[in-house]
Amino acid sequence: MVLMKRLKPAVAVLGSTALIVAACSSETGDETSSDGIQVTTSIYPLEYVAEEVGGDHVSVTSLTTPGSDDHSLELSPRQVNNLSNVDLVVTLSGYQAAMDDALGAAEVSRVIDAADHIKLIEDIDHSGHDHSGDVAEEQEASQDAHDAASEEAEAHEDHDHTDEEDHEGHDHSGPDPHFWLDPTQLALLAEPVAEQLAEIDPDNADEYRANAEQLIADMEALDGDFHEGLAQCESDTFVVSHEAFGYLANAYDLDQQGIAGLEIDTEPSPRRVAEVTALIEEAGVSLIFATSEAEMSVTGALAEEAGVDVDILDAGATQLDENVDYEALMRTNLDKLQNALDCR
């Protein structure tokens, strides 16, 4: 068996003309507009919430550019300084070191940290079942829960988890950050965003709160469609390039099998590759997923070896197509899961 190459994000190659244009233009998040409340977010799902709640009264920018590696965000000094000029920043602490550092350096007027409102799951096994308790019972996550998760993540940093054979090629670097892949979890940010916008712009407070209620209803409807669409399937096992879908698997009783762990640049061990290949055959899996185009070649190599098809199940940290928003992306993912799991 040929060992799969190390997972790495694709690097865009720019021609000389594109470089000249880029040099004359501003970076994402470099400048603010005078139109409406200025909101900066770290990743697309947070941008989506801010736009849905703020409506026409906000101008929202995500610092993670489309198609880039969200785990390895890099910010320029201008982008860091500009955080002091916006009205509101929405982020997820502990996810992107550059963003955490920037917020520590910049004088930011208002920050919403998703980790203060979401119970991040520290330990999800391959079947997606939470070992830290029922997520539904902990949706009203407190700052104490956030602090406890942060302390535990720091403790993990002091412990060596580099033995691939012992850990089967999976990284255990802290809580799973991909909470937005469960729409009911993303909905938990609607009200905090509405309240911050209401404080900034009291004249439109009722509209922000109404928009938040509508977003919550939309996410509940999406959640219902996932439950219904995945209720009667021949299989509950799906294979994905890295374990970004733990919250989704946990919410809909699916068995997520990651070729690699939470981090997209984690190299799967030969043992893990062999396990996944055997599982594909034993479970009758006919379609496996990459989470992005950058992982298609690696996942495709395993698919070819196992004799199965490969497709993209978008983890949604960035918006690749401005005409495809979070809800549309998730519905596309639902269609692909139904196909892979042979659902009726």
Protein backbone atom coordinates (compact mmCIF):
# COMPACT_ATOMS: atom_id res chain seq x y z
CA MET A 1 0.00 0.00 0.00
CA VAL A 2 1.33 3.44 -0.89
CA LEU A 3 1.40 5.72 2.14
CA MET A 4 -0.76 8.79 1.63
CA LYS A 5 1.18 12.01 1.32
CA ARG A 6 0.98 14.65 3.99
CA LEU A 7 -2.22 16.65 3.86
CA LYS A 8 -1.48 20.20 2.84
CA PRO A 9 -3.69 23.09 1.72
CA ALA A 10 -3.42 24.06 -1.91
CA VAL A 11 -1.33 27.14 -2.61
CA ALA A 12 -2.73 29.52 -5.18
CA VAL A 13 -0.28 30.44 -7.92
CA LEU A 14 -0.66 34.02 -9.02
CA GLY A 15 0.52 35.33 -12.37
CA SER A 16 2.52 38.52 -12.64
CA THR A 17 -0.56 40.51 -13.61
CA ALA A 18 -2.47 39.29 -10.59
CA LEU A 19 0.44 40.18 -8.33
CA ILE A 20 0.48 43.72 -9.66
CA VAL A 21 -3.25 44.08 -9.10
CA ALA A 22 -2.96 42.62 -5.60
CA ALA A 23 -0.16 45.03 -4.75
CA CYS A 24 -2.41 47.96 -5.64
CA SER A 25 -5.42 46.69 -3.74
CA SER A 26 -6.13 46.44 -0.03
CA GLU A 27 -6.09 43.17 1.87
CA THR A 28 -9.26 41.71 3.32
CA GLY A 29 -10.02 43.63 6.49
CA ASP A 30 -7.55 46.46 5.74
CA GLU A 31 -10.11 49.21 5.37
CA THR A 32 -13.52 50.01 6.74
CA SER A 33 -16.44 51.53 4.89
CA SER A 34 -18.54 54.39 6.21
CA ASP A 35 -21.69 52.45 5.33
CA GLY A 36 -23.38 50.95 8.37
CA ILE A 37 -21.99 49.13 11.39
CA GLN A 38 -18.58 47.63 10.69
CA VAL A 39 -18.28 43.97 11.73
CA THR A 40 -15.20 41.79 11.28
CA THR A 41 -15.35 38.03 11.72
CA SER A 42 -12.65 35.39 11.74
CA ILE A 43 -14.43 32.76 9.59
CA TYR A 44 -17.39 32.58 7.22
CA PRO A 45 -20.04 30.95 9.49
CA LEU A 46 -19.65 33.87 11.91
CA GLU A 47 -19.91 36.28 8.97
CA TYR A 48 -23.13 34.55 7.95
CA VAL A 49 -24.68 35.04 11.40
CA ALA A 50 -23.66 38.71 11.52
CA GLU A 51 -25.09 39.36 8.06
CA GLU A 52 -28.36 37.55 8.76
CA VAL A 53 -28.90 39.35 12.06
CA GLY A 54 -27.58 42.76 10.99
CA GLY A 55 -29.27 42.86 7.61
CA ASP A 56 -28.81 46.08 5.65
CA HIS A 57 -27.43 47.92 8.66
CA VAL A 58 -24.09 46.10 8.79
CA SER A 59 -21.05 45.68 6.61
CA VAL A 60 -19.36 42.38 7.43
CA THR A 61 -15.89 41.13 6.50
CA SER A 62 -14.35 37.72 7.15
CA LEU A 63 -10.58 37.68 7.61
CA THR A 64 -10.28 34.11 6.34
CA THR A 65 -10.26 34.41 2.57
CA PRO A 66 -12.24 31.94 0.41
CA GLY A 67 -10.46 28.65 -0.14
CA SER A 68 -7.65 29.39 2.31
CA ASP A 69 -6.61 27.18 5.22
CA ASP A 70 -8.71 28.52 8.07
CA HIS A 71 -6.53 26.75 10.64
CA SER A 72 -3.44 28.68 9.51
CA LEU A 73 -4.76 32.24 9.27
CA GLU A 74 -2.11 34.94 8.84
CA LEU A 75 -2.84 38.64 9.32
CA SER A 76 -0.89 41.66 8.17
CA PRO A 77 -0.04 44.51 10.57
CA ARG A 78 -2.63 46.64 8.78
CA GLN A 79 -5.32 44.03 9.32
CA VAL A 80 -4.44 43.80 13.00
CA ASN A 81 -4.50 47.57 13.43
CA ASN A 82 -7.80 47.83 11.59
CA LEU A 83 -9.51 45.69 14.23
CA SER A 84 -9.40 48.80 16.41
CA ASN A 85 -11.51 50.68 13.86
CA VAL A 86 -14.45 48.30 13.56
CA ASP A 87 -17.57 48.34 15.71
CA LEU A 88 -17.72 44.62 16.47
CA VAL A 89 -15.48 41.56 16.10
CA VAL A 90 -16.93 38.04 16.13
CA THR A 91 -14.40 35.26 16.60
CA LEU A 92 -13.72 31.82 18.05
CA SER A 93 -10.87 31.86 20.53
CA GLY A 94 -8.39 29.01 20.50
CA TYR A 95 -9.05 28.27 16.82
CA GLN A 96 -6.77 30.65 14.95
CA ALA A 97 -3.63 31.75 16.78
CA ALA A 98 -3.19 34.80 14.57
CA MET A 99 -6.66 36.05 15.48
CA ASP A 100 -6.10 35.46 19.19
CA ASP A 101 -2.81 37.35 19.01
CA ALA A 102 -4.37 40.18 17.04
CA LEU A 103 -7.15 40.68 19.56
CA GLY A 104 -4.55 40.75 22.31
CA ALA A 105 -2.61 43.46 20.50
CA ALA A 106 -5.41 45.65 19.14
CA GLU A 107 -7.73 47.89 21.13
CA VAL A 108 -11.06 46.38 20.08
CA SER A 109 -14.25 48.01 21.31
CA ARG A 110 -16.55 44.96 21.24
CA VAL A 111 -15.81 41.25 20.83
CA ILE A 112 -18.14 38.27 20.70
CA ASP A 113 -16.24 35.05 21.35
CA ALA A 114 -18.25 32.09 20.09
CA ALA A 115 -16.53 29.94 22.71
CA ASP A 116 -18.44 31.88 25.39
CA HIS A 117 -21.76 30.76 23.91
CA ILE A 118 -21.05 27.32 22.45
CA LYS A 119 -20.13 24.16 24.36
CA LEU A 120 -17.16 23.03 22.30
CA ILE A 121 -16.81 19.27 22.37
CA GLU A 122 -13.48 18.19 23.73
CA ASP A 123 -13.60 14.53 22.73
CA ILE A 124 -15.67 13.03 19.94
CA ASP A 125 -14.94 9.46 18.95
CA HIS A 126 -15.18 8.24 15.33
CA SER A 127 -18.91 7.68 15.67
CA GLY A 128 -19.36 11.29 16.63
CA HIS A 129 -20.68 10.56 20.11
CA ASP A 130 -19.78 13.16 22.70
CA HIS A 131 -17.81 11.91 25.71
CA SER A 132 -18.32 15.15 27.62
CA GLY A 133 -22.10 14.94 28.03
CA ASP A 134 -25.24 15.59 26.04
CA VAL A 135 -24.71 18.63 23.83
CA ALA A 136 -28.41 19.44 23.92
CA GLU A 137 -28.23 19.77 27.71
CA GLU A 138 -25.27 22.12 27.52
CA GLN A 139 -26.26 24.55 24.79
CA GLU A 140 -26.40 27.39 27.32
CA ALA A 141 -22.63 27.21 27.75
CA SER A 142 -21.20 29.56 30.35
CA GLN A 143 -17.88 31.34 30.63
CA ASP A 144 -16.91 28.75 33.23
CA ALA A 145 -17.28 26.00 30.64
CA HIS A 146 -15.18 28.01 28.22
CA ASP A 147 -12.46 28.56 30.83
CA ALA A 148 -12.43 24.87 31.70
CA ALA A 149 -12.05 23.92 28.04
CA SER A 150 -9.20 26.42 27.68
CA GLU A 151 -7.40 25.03 30.71
CA GLU A 152 -7.79 21.49 29.41
CA ALA A 153 -6.48 22.54 26.01
CA GLU A 154 -3.43 24.07 27.71
CA ALA A 155 -2.89 20.85 29.60
CA HIS A 156 -2.91 18.96 26.30
CA GLU A 157 -0.12 21.21 25.04
CA ASP A 158 2.12 19.97 27.83
CA HIS A 159 1.57 16.35 26.88
CA ASP A 160 3.22 14.70 23.89
CA HIS A 161 0.74 13.34 21.36
CA THR A 162 3.11 12.80 18.46
CA ASP A 163 3.23 9.00 18.39
CA GLU A 164 1.35 8.21 15.18
CA GLU A 165 1.10 4.49 15.81
CA ASP A 166 -0.36 4.94 19.29
CA HIS A 167 -2.81 7.59 18.13
CA GLU A 168 -3.54 6.12 14.73
CA GLY A 169 -2.62 9.27 12.83
CA HIS A 170 -5.13 11.47 14.67
CA ASP A 171 -4.25 14.72 16.33
CA HIS A 172 -5.66 15.48 19.79
CA SER A 173 -4.83 19.18 19.97
CA GLY A 174 -7.88 20.39 21.89
CA PRO A 175 -11.60 20.98 21.43
CA ASP A 176 -13.18 20.41 18.04
CA PRO A 177 -13.82 23.94 16.70
CA HIS A 178 -16.22 23.01 13.86
CA PHE A 179 -19.39 23.68 15.86
CA TRP A 180 -21.14 25.40 12.93
CA LEU A 181 -21.63 22.05 11.17
CA ASP A 182 -24.51 21.50 13.60
CA PRO A 183 -26.98 24.28 12.66
CA THR A 184 -28.50 24.31 16.14
CA GLN A 185 -25.09 25.23 17.54
CA LEU A 186 -24.58 28.06 15.05
CA ALA A 187 -28.04 29.36 16.00
CA LEU A 188 -26.77 29.96 19.55
CA LEU A 189 -24.84 33.00 18.28
CA ALA A 190 -27.89 34.78 16.85
CA GLU A 191 -29.05 36.39 20.09
CA PRO A 192 -25.59 37.50 21.33
CA VAL A 193 -24.95 39.17 17.97
CA ALA A 194 -28.38 40.82 18.05
CA GLU A 195 -27.80 42.20 21.54
CA GLN A 196 -24.41 43.67 20.65
CA LEU A 197 -25.81 45.28 17.51
CA ALA A 198 -28.75 46.62 19.53
CA GLU A 199 -26.34 48.31 21.94
CA ILE A 200 -24.41 49.84 19.06
CA ASP A 201 -27.55 50.90 17.18
CA PRO A 202 -30.53 51.14 19.55
CA ASP A 203 -32.79 52.62 16.88
CA ASN A 204 -32.82 49.29 15.04
CA ALA A 205 -32.72 47.00 18.08
CA ASP A 206 -36.13 45.46 17.39
CA GLU A 207 -35.09 44.58 13.85
CA TYR A 208 -31.90 42.87 15.02
CA ARG A 209 -33.81 40.81 17.56
CA ALA A 210 -36.44 39.85 14.99
CA ASN A 211 -33.71 38.84 12.55
CA ALA A 212 -32.13 36.70 15.25
CA GLU A 213 -35.43 34.94 15.89
CA GLN A 214 -35.79 34.28 12.17
CA LEU A 215 -32.26 32.89 11.92
CA ILE A 216 -32.92 30.57 14.85
CA ALA A 217 -36.11 29.37 13.16
CA ASP A 218 -34.24 28.81 9.89
CA MET A 219 -31.55 26.78 11.65
CA GLU A 220 -34.18 24.70 13.45
CA ALA A 221 -35.85 23.98 10.11
CA LEU A 222 -32.50 23.00 8.61
CA ASP A 223 -31.83 20.75 11.58
CA GLY A 224 -35.24 19.13 11.09
CA ASP A 225 -34.48 18.47 7.43
CA PHE A 226 -31.20 16.80 8.40
CA HIS A 227 -32.95 14.59 10.94
CA GLU A 228 -35.63 13.62 8.42
CA GLY A 229 -33.24 13.22 5.50
CA LEU A 230 -30.83 10.97 7.42
CA ALA A 231 -33.42 8.96 9.36
CA GLN A 232 -33.68 6.01 6.97
CA CYS A 233 -30.31 5.12 5.49
CA GLU A 234 -28.68 1.82 4.63
CA SER A 235 -25.48 2.92 6.36
CA ASP A 236 -24.50 5.40 9.06
CA THR A 237 -20.77 5.45 8.26
CA PHE A 238 -19.09 8.13 6.18
CA VAL A 239 -15.38 8.55 5.51
CA VAL A 240 -13.87 12.03 5.31
CA SER A 241 -10.34 13.36 4.82
CA HIS A 242 -10.15 14.96 8.26
CA GLU A 243 -12.52 14.92 11.20
CA ALA A 244 -14.32 18.21 10.67
CA PHE A 245 -17.82 16.73 10.97
CA GLY A 246 -17.91 15.58 14.57
CA TYR A 247 -20.74 17.94 15.53
CA LEU A 248 -22.77 16.88 12.52
CA ALA A 249 -22.17 13.19 13.24
CA ASN A 250 -23.04 13.71 16.88
CA ALA A 251 -26.26 15.55 16.04
CA TYR A 252 -27.56 12.99 13.54
CA ASP A 253 -26.21 9.72 14.97
CA LEU A 254 -23.70 9.11 12.21
CA ASP A 255 -20.33 7.38 12.28
CA GLN A 256 -17.62 9.74 11.08
CA GLN A 257 -14.38 8.02 10.07
CA GLY A 258 -11.55 10.45 9.46
CA ILE A 259 -8.51 9.54 7.42
CA ALA A 260 -6.69 12.12 9.53
CA GLY A 261 -7.60 13.99 12.71
CA LEU A 262 -8.97 17.48 13.35
CA GLU A 263 -6.07 19.32 11.72
CA ILE A 264 -5.93 19.21 7.94
CA ASP A 265 -2.13 18.96 7.87
CA THR A 266 -1.99 15.93 10.13
CA GLU A 267 -0.37 13.01 8.36
CA PRO A 268 -2.30 9.76 8.75
CA SER A 269 -0.16 6.86 9.91
CA PRO A 270 0.14 3.73 7.76
CA ARG A 271 -1.88 1.97 10.43
CA ARG A 272 -4.73 4.47 10.12
CA VAL A 273 -4.70 4.29 6.31
CA ALA A 274 -4.94 0.50 6.53
CA GLU A 275 -7.79 0.74 9.04
CA VAL A 276 -9.81 3.11 6.87
CA THR A 277 -9.22 1.00 3.77
CA ALA A 278 -10.44 -2.09 5.62
CA LEU A 279 -13.42 -0.19 7.01
CA ILE A 280 -14.43 0.97 3.53
CA GLU A 281 -14.65 -2.64 2.42
CA GLU A 282 -16.31 -3.97 5.58
CA ALA A 283 -18.94 -1.21 5.77
CA GLY A 284 -19.67 -1.29 2.05
CA VAL A 285 -18.72 2.38 1.64
CA SER A 286 -18.93 3.42 -2.01
CA LEU A 287 -18.19 7.15 -1.69
CA ILE A 288 -15.68 8.98 0.51
CA PHE A 289 -15.22 12.70 1.04
CA ALA A 290 -12.58 15.39 1.05
CA THR A 291 -13.45 18.58 2.90
CA SER A 292 -11.98 20.83 0.19
CA GLU A 293 -10.39 20.83 -3.24
CA ALA A 294 -7.01 21.00 -1.50
CA GLU A 295 -7.58 17.53 -0.06
CA MET A 296 -9.03 15.94 -3.19
CA SER A 297 -5.75 14.53 -4.49
CA VAL A 298 -4.90 12.85 -1.20
CA THR A 299 -8.39 11.51 -0.60
CA GLY A 300 -8.62 10.54 -4.24
CA ALA A 301 -5.52 8.37 -3.91
CA LEU A 302 -7.16 6.37 -1.13
CA ALA A 303 -10.43 6.22 -3.07
CA GLU A 304 -8.65 4.84 -6.12
CA GLU A 305 -6.85 2.23 -4.03
CA ALA A 306 -10.11 1.21 -2.34
CA GLY A 307 -12.10 1.28 -5.58
CA VAL A 308 -14.64 3.88 -4.45
CA ASP A 309 -15.76 7.34 -5.61
CA VAL A 310 -14.72 10.63 -4.03
CA ASP A 311 -16.54 13.95 -3.60
CA ILE A 312 -16.29 17.12 -1.51
CA LEU A 313 -18.20 17.53 1.74
CA ASP A 314 -17.59 21.21 2.42
CA ALA A 315 -16.60 22.06 5.99
CA GLY A 316 -17.78 25.62 5.33
CA ALA A 317 -15.12 27.66 7.15
CA THR A 318 -14.86 29.91 4.09
CA GLN A 319 -17.41 30.87 1.45
CA LEU A 320 -16.17 29.71 -1.94
CA ASP A 321 -19.14 31.06 -3.90
CA GLU A 322 -20.86 34.29 -2.86
CA ASN A 323 -24.11 32.89 -4.28
CA VAL A 324 -23.97 29.87 -1.96
CA ASP A 325 -24.57 30.85 1.64
CA TYR A 326 -24.29 28.69 4.77
CA GLU A 327 -27.77 27.21 4.52
CA ALA A 328 -27.38 26.33 0.84
CA LEU A 329 -23.98 24.78 1.53
CA MET A 330 -25.41 22.65 4.33
CA ARG A 331 -28.28 21.48 2.15
CA THR A 332 -25.78 20.45 -0.51
CA ASN A 333 -23.89 18.51 2.18
CA LEU A 334 -27.14 16.83 3.19
CA ASP A 335 -27.76 15.73 -0.40
CA LYS A 336 -24.26 14.28 -0.64
CA LEU A 337 -24.56 12.45 2.67
CA GLN A 338 -27.89 10.97 1.59
CA ASN A 339 -26.20 9.71 -1.57
CA ALA A 340 -23.21 8.28 0.31
CA LEU A 341 -25.34 6.60 2.98
CA ASP A 342 -28.00 5.34 0.57
CA CYS A 343 -30.85 7.11 2.33
CA ARG A 344 -34.49 6.79 1.33
